[in-house]
Amino acid sequence: MSYLELDTEYGEDDSLQMLREEVHDFAKNEVRPAALEIDRLGRDEYLDIGDAGSPFREVMAQMKELGYHSAVIPEEFGGGGLSGREFHVMLEELAWGSSGFAIALGVDFLPATFASLSFDDEIQESFLDPYLADDAGRYIGCWGVTEPNHGSELVSSASFTENGIDGASRENISPPDITIEQDGDEWILNGVKASWVSAAPAATHCALHAGMDPSNADPGYAVLVPLDADGVTKGPPIDKLGQRDCPQGELVFDDVRVPDCNVVMTPSMLHPDTGYVDLTQILCITSSGMAAIATGLARAAFEEALAYAREREQSGKPICEHQSVKAKLYDMFEKVETCRAYSRRVCEHVFDRNMSAFEFDASHRHALAAQVYCKRTAFEVAHEAVQIHGANGITRDYPVEKLFRDARVKLIEDGTCEVLGLESADGVIENYEVG
């Protein structure tokens, strides 16, 4: 029995089954062992996680060799042009092995995605083509959004419209932490992105949001920044509760100059009212990916619990035959299946509107709801998986201990569930047609 049994279209698609089997084998044999190794590194050893030869860099290089990074980029720009369905399968399987590595791949292709959406031949030749041809991990991308003086309001489109943030006065909001200024045919960047930039300690390029100013309803610019440019400093990887297999760290920009072509999107292009690739559509892409990754994490926790409950005996029989454990396993199975059904549908919709039709009009509220629902579900399933393991579940001898910590991190990363839920609710209240 596998999830493909439910959907005959999946079962009859040989290429989709091959993709799933290939990625699952890679996740099982390479990704999960490396993730466990990284999770157990001491603090001093962890400081080198972004360096060449580290287990993180080795797995990222393997993903490049397999072509996972280029598969997502539309065929029009030289990529593999994965469909939303294929994208979901790939991320769910990778996240089954490690949600941290799945996140790292998700942010890796964002600089390339930004570059492709600029439709600029110069940036295609200088960055996109070499990125797509990379088969050894020479290029690693990251996404610079979060700032020291701003939280989840940077993922709220209301922050950049006349309506503003609910209940907040604009004059009380801090100015942008990253400034951007034009100087002839170059642009100058100054400031800091917070320590939560995923993959930053290992990254070579950043899809940077600069000049984001909720106090002035300005969504700022999207800039492609090579992280070996003069004036860039990468902070050390922060030590954290979970997902240590996706190192995070701050980025500092001190009079960093980039050519005009690297400014791939302007405020009018990103603004929720005027932009053709506005912030809501970028969040649709990232939210659909986050939902697929959370589904993979939830499934991993469920499968660990099921395997343990079949083997572990109490009172002369496997604990899966005890009513209370059986009921928990059913609830977990139901949650994983509903996660997949919703997140898969959202991925298909978002990719069709943004990466295939290039209409950039996907439903923001549905994408955010998928991210919130799947992240919450992953945490609930991981919590029950630990409970079924009993005392063994709180030891590092069993994978559910790590899965639970990883799932807890998910409730905060890429925007807290509370803020994302409120953002989705605004869209529902304004647009839902009743009756």
Protein backbone atom coordinates (compact mmCIF):
# COMPACT_ATOMS: atom_id res chain seq x y z
CA MET A 1 0.00 0.00 0.00
CA SER A 2 1.29 3.45 -0.89
CA TYR A 3 -0.28 6.83 -1.43
CA LEU A 4 -0.22 6.27 -5.17
CA GLU A 5 -2.98 3.68 -4.79
CA LEU A 6 -5.53 6.41 -4.11
CA ASP A 7 -4.92 8.21 -7.39
CA THR A 8 -5.08 6.07 -10.53
CA GLU A 9 -3.65 8.92 -12.60
CA TYR A 10 -0.54 8.76 -10.45
CA GLY A 11 -0.39 4.99 -10.64
CA GLU A 12 -0.56 4.99 -14.44
CA ASP A 13 2.10 7.68 -14.88
CA ASP A 14 5.39 5.80 -15.27
CA SER A 15 7.55 8.95 -15.29
CA LEU A 16 5.98 10.15 -12.05
CA GLN A 17 6.53 6.79 -10.40
CA MET A 18 10.16 6.76 -11.57
CA LEU A 19 10.66 10.26 -10.15
CA ARG A 20 9.18 9.23 -6.81
CA GLU A 21 11.25 6.05 -6.59
CA GLU A 22 14.48 7.82 -7.54
CA VAL A 23 14.04 10.68 -5.08
CA HIS A 24 12.87 8.35 -2.31
CA ASP A 25 15.94 6.12 -2.71
CA PHE A 26 18.18 9.18 -2.63
CA ALA A 27 16.39 10.53 0.45
CA LYS A 28 16.66 7.19 2.22
CA ASN A 29 20.26 6.34 1.39
CA GLU A 30 21.95 9.76 1.28
CA VAL A 31 19.77 12.57 2.65
CA ARG A 32 18.47 11.08 5.90
CA PRO A 33 21.85 9.68 7.07
CA ALA A 34 23.54 13.04 6.38
CA ALA A 35 20.75 14.89 8.18
CA LEU A 36 21.16 12.73 11.28
CA GLU A 37 24.94 13.24 11.15
CA ILE A 38 24.53 17.02 10.98
CA ASP A 39 21.95 17.01 13.75
CA ARG A 40 24.45 15.40 16.10
CA LEU A 41 27.40 17.69 15.32
CA GLY A 42 28.85 19.54 18.29
CA ARG A 43 28.64 23.30 18.34
CA ASP A 44 32.24 23.83 17.19
CA GLU A 45 31.91 21.29 14.38
CA TYR A 46 28.65 22.89 13.30
CA LEU A 47 30.42 26.18 12.62
CA ASP A 48 32.01 24.53 9.56
CA ILE A 49 28.72 23.21 8.14
CA GLY A 50 28.80 25.65 5.22
CA ASP A 51 32.35 24.79 4.18
CA ALA A 52 33.39 22.61 1.23
CA GLY A 53 33.52 18.95 2.21
CA SER A 54 30.88 19.25 4.96
CA PRO A 55 28.00 16.71 4.89
CA PHE A 56 25.67 19.57 3.98
CA ARG A 57 27.73 20.63 0.98
CA GLU A 58 28.22 17.00 -0.10
CA VAL A 59 24.48 16.30 -0.25
CA MET A 60 23.79 19.61 -2.00
CA ALA A 61 26.42 18.67 -4.60
CA GLN A 62 24.72 15.31 -5.10
CA MET A 63 21.39 17.06 -5.68
CA LYS A 64 23.07 19.22 -8.31
CA GLU A 65 24.52 16.15 -10.00
CA LEU A 66 21.03 14.64 -10.11
CA GLY A 67 19.67 17.85 -11.61
CA TYR A 68 17.05 18.53 -8.93
CA HIS A 69 17.92 22.25 -8.84
CA SER A 70 17.34 22.79 -12.55
CA ALA A 71 14.24 20.60 -12.77
CA VAL A 72 12.02 23.31 -11.28
CA ILE A 73 13.03 26.14 -13.63
CA PRO A 74 10.65 26.54 -16.61
CA GLU A 75 11.73 24.97 -19.89
CA GLU A 76 11.57 28.40 -21.56
CA PHE A 77 14.70 29.34 -19.59
CA GLY A 78 16.56 26.05 -19.99
CA GLY A 79 15.25 24.18 -16.95
CA GLY A 80 13.38 20.93 -16.63
CA GLY A 81 9.96 22.54 -16.27
CA LEU A 82 8.59 20.28 -13.53
CA SER A 83 4.81 20.40 -13.16
CA GLY A 84 3.26 21.25 -9.81
CA ARG A 85 2.44 17.57 -9.34
CA GLU A 86 6.04 16.52 -9.99
CA PHE A 87 7.31 19.32 -7.77
CA HIS A 88 5.14 18.04 -4.91
CA VAL A 89 6.35 14.47 -5.33
CA MET A 90 10.01 15.56 -5.32
CA LEU A 91 9.70 17.78 -2.24
CA GLU A 92 7.57 15.31 -0.26
CA GLU A 93 10.09 12.53 -0.81
CA LEU A 94 13.09 14.74 0.01
CA ALA A 95 11.35 16.01 3.16
CA TRP A 96 10.56 12.44 4.16
CA GLY A 97 14.33 12.08 4.40
CA SER A 98 15.01 15.56 5.81
CA SER A 99 12.82 18.65 5.91
CA GLY A 100 16.01 20.69 6.37
CA PHE A 101 17.55 19.54 3.08
CA ALA A 102 14.20 19.98 1.33
CA ILE A 103 14.11 23.59 2.54
CA ALA A 104 17.73 24.06 1.40
CA LEU A 105 16.81 22.91 -2.12
CA GLY A 106 13.70 25.09 -2.05
CA VAL A 107 15.69 28.26 -1.37
CA ASP A 108 18.52 27.16 -3.66
CA PHE A 109 16.47 27.68 -6.80
CA LEU A 110 14.91 30.99 -5.73
CA PRO A 111 17.76 33.19 -7.09
CA ALA A 112 17.41 31.33 -10.40
CA THR A 113 13.63 31.68 -10.32
CA PHE A 114 13.95 35.42 -9.72
CA ALA A 115 16.50 35.66 -12.52
CA SER A 116 14.25 33.82 -14.95
CA LEU A 117 11.22 35.97 -14.13
CA SER A 118 13.18 39.09 -15.07
CA PHE A 119 13.17 37.83 -18.70
CA ASP A 120 16.62 39.48 -19.13
CA ASP A 121 19.13 37.95 -21.57
CA GLU A 122 22.16 39.36 -19.73
CA ILE A 123 21.23 37.79 -16.38
CA GLN A 124 20.33 34.58 -18.22
CA GLU A 125 23.89 34.31 -19.60
CA SER A 126 25.78 35.60 -16.56
CA PHE A 127 23.96 33.59 -13.88
CA LEU A 128 21.07 31.41 -14.97
CA ASP A 129 22.86 29.32 -17.61
CA PRO A 130 25.89 28.51 -15.36
CA TYR A 131 23.51 27.72 -12.47
CA LEU A 132 21.50 25.29 -14.58
CA ALA A 133 24.68 23.60 -15.84
CA ASP A 134 26.10 23.15 -12.33
CA ASP A 135 26.61 19.47 -11.50
CA ALA A 136 28.99 19.79 -8.56
CA GLY A 137 27.49 22.24 -6.07
CA ARG A 138 29.40 25.30 -7.26
CA TYR A 139 26.22 27.40 -6.98
CA ILE A 140 24.06 27.40 -3.83
CA GLY A 141 21.22 29.86 -3.49
CA CYS A 142 19.42 31.42 -0.56
CA TRP A 143 16.48 33.81 -0.05
CA GLY A 144 17.11 36.98 1.96
CA VAL A 145 13.83 38.23 3.40
CA THR A 146 13.75 38.31 7.21
CA GLU A 147 15.27 41.37 8.86
CA PRO A 148 16.44 42.05 12.44
CA ASN A 149 13.81 44.75 13.02
CA HIS A 150 10.96 43.13 11.11
CA GLY A 151 9.11 39.88 11.67
CA SER A 152 6.27 38.27 9.83
CA GLU A 153 4.95 41.59 8.48
CA LEU A 154 7.40 41.14 5.61
CA VAL A 155 5.36 38.15 4.40
CA SER A 156 2.09 40.07 4.72
CA SER A 157 0.98 41.73 1.49
CA ALA A 158 -1.24 44.06 3.56
CA SER A 159 1.98 45.62 4.86
CA PHE A 160 2.57 47.05 1.41
CA THR A 161 -0.91 48.34 0.55
CA GLU A 162 -2.90 51.34 1.64
CA ASN A 163 -4.76 49.18 4.16
CA GLY A 164 -1.55 48.45 6.01
CA ILE A 165 -1.06 46.10 8.93
CA ASP A 166 -4.17 45.62 11.01
CA GLY A 167 -4.01 47.79 14.12
CA ALA A 168 -0.47 49.04 13.51
CA SER A 169 0.48 52.65 12.94
CA ARG A 170 3.00 53.02 10.11
CA GLU A 171 5.06 55.58 12.00
CA ASN A 172 5.79 52.93 14.64
CA ILE A 173 7.26 50.51 12.11
CA SER A 174 11.04 50.44 11.75
CA PRO A 175 12.61 51.53 8.44
CA PRO A 176 14.06 48.83 6.15
CA ASP A 177 17.18 47.04 7.38
CA ILE A 178 18.54 46.77 3.84
CA THR A 179 18.77 49.97 1.82
CA ILE A 180 19.31 50.19 -1.93
CA GLU A 181 20.51 53.20 -3.90
CA GLN A 182 21.22 53.67 -7.60
CA ASP A 183 24.61 55.06 -8.64
CA GLY A 184 24.88 55.33 -12.43
CA ASP A 185 24.56 51.86 -13.91
CA GLU A 186 25.15 50.19 -10.54
CA TRP A 187 23.16 49.77 -7.34
CA ILE A 188 24.57 49.98 -3.80
CA LEU A 189 23.32 47.77 -0.96
CA ASN A 190 23.78 48.40 2.76
CA GLY A 191 22.38 46.71 5.85
CA VAL A 192 21.70 43.34 7.45
CA LYS A 193 19.42 40.38 6.88
CA ALA A 194 18.61 38.48 10.07
CA SER A 195 20.14 35.19 11.19
CA TRP A 196 17.23 33.18 9.77
CA VAL A 197 18.36 33.16 6.13
CA SER A 198 18.18 29.47 5.22
CA ALA A 199 21.36 28.02 3.65
CA ALA A 200 23.12 31.40 3.90
CA PRO A 201 26.30 30.02 5.55
CA ALA A 202 26.88 27.85 2.47
CA ALA A 203 25.29 30.03 -0.21
CA THR A 204 27.03 31.60 -3.20
CA HIS A 205 24.08 33.73 -4.37
CA CYS A 206 21.14 35.42 -2.67
CA ALA A 207 17.70 36.40 -3.94
CA LEU A 208 17.67 39.53 -1.83
CA HIS A 209 14.70 41.73 -0.96
CA ALA A 210 16.08 45.24 -0.44
CA GLY A 211 14.32 48.41 0.58
CA MET A 212 11.23 46.58 1.91
CA ASP A 213 9.52 49.34 3.89
CA PRO A 214 6.18 48.53 5.56
CA SER A 215 6.27 52.02 7.12
CA ASN A 216 5.96 53.46 3.61
CA ALA A 217 3.97 50.66 1.91
CA ASP A 218 6.99 49.98 -0.31
CA PRO A 219 7.72 46.33 -1.25
CA GLY A 220 11.24 47.27 -2.37
CA TYR A 221 13.41 45.54 -4.95
CA ALA A 222 14.39 41.94 -5.71
CA VAL A 223 18.13 41.78 -6.31
CA LEU A 224 20.40 38.93 -7.35
CA VAL A 225 23.56 39.26 -5.23
CA PRO A 226 26.72 37.13 -5.61
CA LEU A 227 27.88 36.53 -2.05
CA ASP A 228 31.57 36.76 -3.00
CA ALA A 229 31.09 40.44 -3.91
CA ASP A 230 33.17 43.03 -2.05
CA GLY A 231 31.43 44.14 1.14
CA VAL A 232 29.41 40.94 1.76
CA THR A 233 29.91 39.18 5.11
CA LYS A 234 28.27 35.88 5.97
CA GLY A 235 27.57 35.24 9.65
CA PRO A 236 28.23 31.87 11.32
CA PRO A 237 25.46 29.26 11.34
CA ILE A 238 23.20 29.73 14.34
CA ASP A 239 22.65 26.82 16.72
CA LYS A 240 18.96 26.02 16.97
CA LEU A 241 16.28 23.63 18.21
CA GLY A 242 15.59 21.76 14.97
CA GLN A 243 16.34 21.57 11.25
CA ARG A 244 20.06 21.89 11.88
CA ASP A 245 20.38 20.17 8.50
CA CYS A 246 19.44 23.52 6.94
CA PRO A 247 22.04 25.95 8.33
CA GLN A 248 20.88 29.53 8.82
CA GLY A 249 22.86 32.71 9.34
CA GLU A 250 22.83 36.46 8.82
CA LEU A 251 24.06 38.35 5.77
CA VAL A 252 25.73 41.77 6.06
CA PHE A 253 26.03 44.17 3.12
CA ASP A 254 28.50 47.06 3.36
CA ASP A 255 28.49 49.26 0.23
CA VAL A 256 27.97 46.21 -1.97
CA ARG A 257 27.70 47.13 -5.65
CA VAL A 258 25.76 45.10 -8.21
CA PRO A 259 25.14 45.87 -11.91
CA ASP A 260 21.79 47.17 -13.07
CA CYS A 261 20.78 43.83 -14.61
CA ASN A 262 20.97 42.18 -11.17
CA VAL A 263 18.03 44.27 -9.97
CA VAL A 264 15.54 41.79 -11.37
CA MET A 265 12.33 43.27 -9.97
CA THR A 266 11.36 46.83 -9.05
CA PRO A 267 8.79 48.10 -6.49
CA SER A 268 6.08 48.49 -9.14
CA MET A 269 6.66 44.90 -10.30
CA LEU A 270 6.44 43.57 -6.72
CA HIS A 271 3.61 45.74 -5.41
CA PRO A 272 0.37 43.85 -4.59
CA ASP A 273 -1.69 46.40 -6.55
CA THR A 274 0.50 46.88 -9.64
CA GLY A 275 3.04 44.07 -9.88
CA TYR A 276 2.98 41.27 -12.42
CA VAL A 277 5.07 39.10 -10.05
CA ASP A 278 3.89 40.71 -6.83
CA LEU A 279 4.83 39.50 -3.38
CA THR A 280 1.68 37.41 -3.08
CA GLN A 281 2.75 35.26 -6.03
CA ILE A 282 6.24 34.77 -4.63
CA LEU A 283 4.59 33.67 -1.38
CA CYS A 284 2.32 31.34 -3.34
CA ILE A 285 5.39 29.54 -4.72
CA THR A 286 7.15 29.35 -1.35
CA SER A 287 3.97 28.41 0.55
CA SER A 288 3.11 25.57 -1.81
CA GLY A 289 6.64 24.23 -1.33
CA MET A 290 6.43 24.57 2.44
CA ALA A 291 3.14 22.64 2.42
CA ALA A 292 4.66 19.80 0.40
CA ILE A 293 7.68 19.66 2.72
CA ALA A 294 5.49 19.59 5.83
CA THR A 295 3.54 16.72 4.26
CA GLY A 296 6.77 14.76 3.83
CA LEU A 297 7.78 15.41 7.42
CA ALA A 298 4.36 14.33 8.70
CA ARG A 299 4.53 11.14 6.65
CA ALA A 300 7.99 10.32 7.99
CA ALA A 301 6.74 10.70 11.57
CA PHE A 302 3.67 8.56 10.86
CA GLU A 303 5.73 5.80 9.26
CA GLU A 304 8.22 5.77 12.14
CA ALA A 305 5.34 5.44 14.61
CA LEU A 306 3.64 2.70 12.59
CA ALA A 307 6.82 0.65 12.28
CA TYR A 308 7.53 1.00 15.99
CA ALA A 309 3.95 0.12 16.99
CA ARG A 310 4.06 -3.04 14.88
CA GLU A 311 7.29 -4.20 16.55
CA ARG A 312 6.95 -3.01 20.14
CA GLU A 313 5.03 -5.46 22.35
CA GLN A 314 3.13 -4.81 25.57
CA SER A 315 0.92 -7.31 27.41
CA GLY A 316 1.82 -10.00 24.96
CA LYS A 317 0.92 -8.25 21.70
CA PRO A 318 2.18 -5.42 19.47
CA ILE A 319 1.09 -2.04 20.78
CA CYS A 320 -0.61 -1.28 17.43
CA GLU A 321 -3.25 -3.77 18.55
CA HIS A 322 -4.07 -1.71 21.64
CA GLN A 323 -7.11 0.50 21.05
CA SER A 324 -5.55 3.78 22.15
CA VAL A 325 -2.51 3.33 19.88
CA LYS A 326 -4.64 2.09 17.00
CA ALA A 327 -6.82 5.22 17.28
CA LYS A 328 -3.75 7.48 17.23
CA LEU A 329 -2.38 5.73 14.14
CA TYR A 330 -5.66 6.20 12.33
CA ASP A 331 -5.75 9.91 13.17
CA MET A 332 -2.18 10.32 11.96
CA PHE A 333 -2.90 8.46 8.70
CA GLU A 334 -5.97 10.63 8.08
CA LYS A 335 -4.00 13.81 8.67
CA VAL A 336 -1.15 12.84 6.35
CA GLU A 337 -3.58 11.94 3.57
CA THR A 338 -5.52 15.21 3.88
CA CYS A 339 -2.25 17.16 3.96
CA ARG A 340 -1.14 15.56 0.73
CA ALA A 341 -4.48 16.03 -1.02
CA TYR A 342 -4.63 19.74 -0.23
CA SER A 343 -0.97 20.63 -0.67
CA ARG A 344 -0.72 18.68 -3.94
CA ARG A 345 -3.73 20.53 -5.36
CA VAL A 346 -2.28 23.87 -4.33
CA CYS A 347 1.10 23.02 -5.90
CA GLU A 348 -0.60 22.12 -9.17
CA HIS A 349 -2.57 25.38 -9.16
CA VAL A 350 0.37 27.62 -8.20
CA PHE A 351 2.75 26.09 -10.74
CA ASP A 352 0.18 26.23 -13.52
CA ARG A 353 -0.50 29.95 -12.97
CA ASN A 354 3.09 31.04 -12.24
CA MET A 355 5.56 28.63 -13.84
CA SER A 356 3.62 27.49 -16.89
CA ALA A 357 0.97 30.04 -17.93
CA PHE A 358 3.01 32.98 -16.50
CA GLU A 359 -0.25 34.70 -15.53
CA PHE A 360 0.88 35.20 -11.89
CA ASP A 361 -2.64 35.10 -10.51
CA ALA A 362 -2.64 32.06 -8.21
CA SER A 363 -4.89 32.11 -5.15
CA HIS A 364 -2.79 33.59 -2.37
CA ARG A 365 -5.28 32.64 0.35
CA HIS A 366 -5.34 28.96 -0.66
CA ALA A 367 -1.54 28.75 -0.79
CA LEU A 368 -1.15 30.30 2.66
CA ALA A 369 -3.89 28.04 4.06
CA ALA A 370 -2.06 25.00 2.70
CA GLN A 371 1.18 26.08 4.35
CA VAL A 372 -0.51 26.72 7.71
CA TYR A 373 -2.59 23.53 7.64
CA CYS A 374 0.31 21.26 6.69
CA LYS A 375 2.77 22.79 9.16
CA ARG A 376 0.30 22.45 12.02
CA THR A 377 -0.52 18.90 10.97
CA ALA A 378 3.15 17.94 10.77
CA PHE A 379 3.61 19.10 14.35
CA GLU A 380 0.52 17.22 15.55
CA VAL A 381 1.60 14.00 13.82
CA ALA A 382 5.18 14.27 15.09
CA HIS A 383 3.85 14.88 18.60
CA GLU A 384 1.74 11.71 18.46
CA ALA A 385 4.67 9.76 17.00
CA VAL A 386 6.74 10.64 20.07
CA GLN A 387 3.81 9.69 22.31
CA ILE A 388 3.51 6.26 20.69
CA HIS A 389 7.23 5.69 21.21
CA GLY A 390 6.82 6.43 24.94
CA ALA A 391 10.07 7.14 26.75
CA ASN A 392 12.03 5.92 23.73
CA GLY A 393 10.59 8.83 21.78
CA ILE A 394 12.47 11.42 23.77
CA THR A 395 15.86 9.80 23.17
CA ARG A 396 18.16 10.38 20.23
CA ASP A 397 18.10 6.64 19.58
CA TYR A 398 14.87 7.07 17.58
CA PRO A 399 14.32 9.43 14.59
CA VAL A 400 11.03 10.77 15.96
CA GLU A 401 12.92 12.88 18.49
CA LYS A 402 14.50 14.85 15.62
CA LEU A 403 11.29 14.89 13.59
CA PHE A 404 9.43 16.42 16.54
CA ARG A 405 12.04 19.20 16.91
CA ASP A 406 11.98 19.83 13.15
CA ALA A 407 8.18 20.03 13.18
CA ARG A 408 8.23 22.55 16.03
CA VAL A 409 10.50 24.82 14.00
CA LYS A 410 8.02 24.73 11.14
CA LEU A 411 5.38 26.60 13.16
CA ILE A 412 7.62 29.68 12.93
CA GLU A 413 9.71 29.47 9.75
CA ASP A 414 8.58 31.27 6.57
CA GLY A 415 6.12 33.31 8.68
CA THR A 416 4.36 32.21 11.85
CA CYS A 417 1.20 30.18 11.41
CA GLU A 418 -0.73 32.89 13.25
CA VAL A 419 0.29 35.70 10.88
CA LEU A 420 -0.05 33.58 7.74
CA GLY A 421 -3.52 32.52 8.88
CA LEU A 422 -4.62 36.11 9.41
CA GLU A 423 -3.23 37.06 6.01
CA SER A 424 -5.23 34.28 4.37
CA ALA A 425 -8.33 35.27 6.35
CA ASP A 426 -8.19 38.80 4.94
CA GLY A 427 -8.35 37.36 1.42
CA VAL A 428 -11.19 35.00 2.33
CA ILE A 429 -13.29 37.73 3.99
CA GLU A 430 -12.77 40.10 1.06
CA ASN A 431 -13.17 37.69 -1.85
CA TYR A 432 -15.18 34.60 -0.85
CA GLU A 433 -18.54 34.47 -2.67
CA VAL A 434 -21.26 33.25 -0.32
CA GLY A 435 -24.34 31.41 -1.64
